[in-house]
Amino acid sequence: MITLEELTPGNLDAATAVRVRPDQEHAVSPVMQSLAEAYVHPDGVAWPRLITDDGRPVGFLMAFLGIDWHGDGTVRRSGLWRLNIAAGEQGKGYGRFAVESVAAEIRRRGGTGMYVTWHPGPDGPEGFYLGLGFRPTGETSGGQTVGVLDLA
């Protein structure tokens, strides 16, 4: 059974041990970076979770919920901030589960759109996100493509 777990002292080591394939490391920050970012956003916008399958750690996700997108209070967005599926666990549906779980949480909070950014290029996850229904917005953020999934 695939589940999301809140980060606790008991599963922190398992979460930080999640590593993507070496050829993907340039496209996604490590879990430790995500946890540091969650820590410096104490207003509750970061939503980090360990992905487990029958209690076995297989990945990590972090959503952003109501983040000030432009930093000026004009636009609030929610979406998938980070997705790290362990190198030996990819292609088993855990990424799809993660995206669907974040979408469900955003809907639960009244959101109608889910945003994500991805590293552009042939070695990036664009095909994965487009296959799940995300569409590019025409924006970039930190050199990454911004995509949105309609949740309405």
Protein backbone atom coordinates (compact mmCIF):
# COMPACT_ATOMS: atom_id res chain seq x y z
CA MET A 1 0.00 0.00 0.00
CA ILE A 2 1.45 3.36 -1.06
CA THR A 3 1.11 6.12 1.53
CA LEU A 4 2.39 9.58 2.40
CA GLU A 5 3.91 10.10 5.82
CA GLU A 6 4.55 13.35 7.62
CA LEU A 7 8.22 13.85 8.42
CA THR A 8 9.09 12.88 11.99
CA PRO A 9 12.28 12.23 13.95
CA GLY A 10 11.56 8.53 13.34
CA ASN A 11 11.58 8.71 9.53
CA LEU A 12 13.89 11.66 8.90
CA ASP A 13 16.89 9.45 8.10
CA ALA A 14 14.80 7.40 5.66
CA ALA A 15 13.64 10.57 3.93
CA THR A 16 17.12 12.07 3.59
CA ALA A 17 18.42 8.73 2.25
CA VAL A 18 16.15 8.98 -0.83
CA ARG A 19 18.39 9.49 -3.87
CA VAL A 20 17.40 9.89 -7.51
CA ARG A 21 19.50 8.39 -10.30
CA PRO A 22 22.90 10.09 -10.75
CA ASP A 23 21.89 11.38 -14.19
CA GLN A 24 18.90 13.16 -12.59
CA GLU A 25 20.74 14.93 -9.78
CA HIS A 26 21.18 18.12 -11.83
CA ALA A 27 17.40 18.36 -12.35
CA VAL A 28 16.12 18.03 -8.77
CA SER A 29 17.51 19.19 -5.45
CA PRO A 30 18.24 16.56 -2.79
CA VAL A 31 15.78 15.95 0.04
CA MET A 32 18.02 17.78 2.53
CA GLN A 33 17.74 20.97 0.44
CA SER A 34 13.96 20.60 0.43
CA LEU A 35 13.85 20.22 4.19
CA ALA A 36 16.00 23.31 4.62
CA GLU A 37 13.60 25.25 2.37
CA ALA A 38 10.64 23.95 4.36
CA TYR A 39 12.31 25.14 7.55
CA VAL A 40 12.84 28.68 6.29
CA HIS A 41 9.19 28.94 5.16
CA PRO A 42 7.61 28.58 8.62
CA ASP A 43 4.29 30.06 7.47
CA GLY A 44 3.05 26.60 6.47
CA VAL A 45 3.51 26.87 2.71
CA ALA A 46 5.84 23.85 2.57
CA TRP A 47 4.23 20.40 2.77
CA PRO A 48 7.00 17.74 2.87
CA ARG A 49 6.06 14.05 2.82
CA LEU A 50 7.85 10.71 2.67
CA ILE A 51 6.38 8.30 0.11
CA THR A 52 6.30 4.71 1.35
CA ASP A 53 5.14 1.40 -0.05
CA ASP A 54 4.18 -1.02 2.71
CA GLY A 55 6.34 1.04 5.06
CA ARG A 56 9.37 1.00 2.73
CA PRO A 57 10.64 4.48 1.74
CA VAL A 58 10.44 4.92 -2.06
CA GLY A 59 10.39 8.68 -2.51
CA PHE A 60 9.91 12.16 -1.19
CA LEU A 61 7.68 15.03 -2.23
CA MET A 62 7.24 18.57 -1.11
CA ALA A 63 4.26 20.66 -2.10
CA PHE A 64 3.87 24.41 -1.81
CA LEU A 65 0.49 25.58 -0.57
CA GLY A 66 -0.51 29.19 -1.10
CA ILE A 67 2.99 30.47 -1.76
CA ASP A 68 3.44 34.13 -2.73
CA TRP A 69 4.51 33.36 -6.31
CA HIS A 70 5.91 36.78 -7.26
CA GLY A 71 6.93 37.77 -3.73
CA ASP A 72 4.69 40.83 -3.78
CA GLY A 73 1.38 39.43 -2.51
CA THR A 74 -0.37 39.62 -5.88
CA VAL A 75 -0.46 35.92 -6.81
CA ARG A 76 -0.83 32.87 -4.56
CA ARG A 77 -0.21 29.43 -6.03
CA SER A 78 -0.08 25.84 -4.87
CA GLY A 79 1.66 22.89 -6.45
CA LEU A 80 4.44 20.36 -6.45
CA TRP A 81 7.72 21.88 -5.31
CA ARG A 82 9.93 18.79 -5.27
CA LEU A 83 9.59 15.17 -6.34
CA ASN A 84 12.37 12.69 -5.64
CA ILE A 85 11.67 9.05 -6.47
CA ALA A 86 14.47 6.72 -5.38
CA ALA A 87 16.67 5.48 -8.21
CA GLY A 88 15.59 1.84 -7.96
CA GLU A 89 11.92 2.68 -7.51
CA GLN A 90 11.19 4.70 -10.64
CA GLY A 91 8.63 3.52 -13.19
CA LYS A 92 6.42 1.86 -10.57
CA GLY A 93 3.71 4.52 -10.27
CA TYR A 94 5.09 6.35 -7.23
CA GLY A 95 5.51 9.63 -9.12
CA ARG A 96 1.92 9.50 -10.36
CA PHE A 97 0.76 8.71 -6.82
CA ALA A 98 2.69 11.72 -5.53
CA VAL A 99 1.18 14.10 -8.10
CA GLU A 100 -2.34 12.77 -7.45
CA SER A 101 -1.83 13.13 -3.69
CA VAL A 102 -0.72 16.75 -3.97
CA ALA A 103 -3.64 17.47 -6.32
CA ALA A 104 -6.03 15.98 -3.74
CA GLU A 105 -4.57 18.14 -0.97
CA ILE A 106 -4.83 21.28 -3.10
CA ARG A 107 -8.46 20.45 -3.95
CA ARG A 108 -9.17 19.79 -0.25
CA ARG A 109 -7.94 23.31 0.46
CA GLY A 110 -10.16 24.78 -2.26
CA GLY A 111 -7.56 25.13 -5.02
CA THR A 112 -8.40 24.72 -8.68
CA GLY A 113 -4.91 24.63 -10.21
CA MET A 114 -1.71 22.78 -9.44
CA TYR A 115 1.63 24.21 -10.53
CA VAL A 116 4.98 22.55 -11.06
CA THR A 117 8.32 23.55 -12.51
CA TRP A 118 10.67 21.26 -14.37
CA HIS A 119 14.18 21.26 -15.72
CA PRO A 120 13.90 21.73 -19.50
CA GLY A 121 15.66 19.50 -21.98
CA PRO A 122 15.68 15.91 -23.13
CA ASP A 123 16.93 14.61 -19.78
CA GLY A 124 14.27 16.44 -17.74
CA PRO A 125 10.86 15.24 -16.52
CA GLU A 126 8.78 17.21 -19.05
CA GLY A 127 7.31 14.06 -20.63
CA PHE A 128 6.22 12.80 -17.22
CA TYR A 129 4.40 16.01 -16.34
CA LEU A 130 2.84 16.49 -19.78
CA GLY A 131 1.64 12.89 -19.66
CA LEU A 132 -0.20 13.65 -16.43
CA GLY A 133 -1.99 16.60 -18.03
CA PHE A 134 0.18 19.55 -17.05
CA ARG A 135 0.49 22.25 -19.68
CA PRO A 136 3.25 24.86 -19.91
CA THR A 137 2.11 28.34 -18.86
CA GLY A 138 4.73 30.12 -20.96
CA GLU A 139 6.49 31.26 -17.78
CA THR A 140 9.83 30.23 -16.38
CA SER A 141 10.97 30.23 -12.77
CA GLY A 142 14.66 29.98 -11.97
CA GLY A 143 15.31 28.79 -15.52
CA GLN A 144 12.72 26.04 -15.25
CA THR A 145 9.52 25.59 -17.23
CA VAL A 146 6.32 26.36 -15.29
CA GLY A 147 3.38 24.03 -15.86
CA VAL A 148 -0.17 23.96 -14.54
CA LEU A 149 -2.74 21.21 -14.12
CA ASP A 150 -6.42 22.22 -14.07
CA LEU A 151 -8.05 20.72 -10.97
CA ALA A 152 -11.53 22.17 -11.53
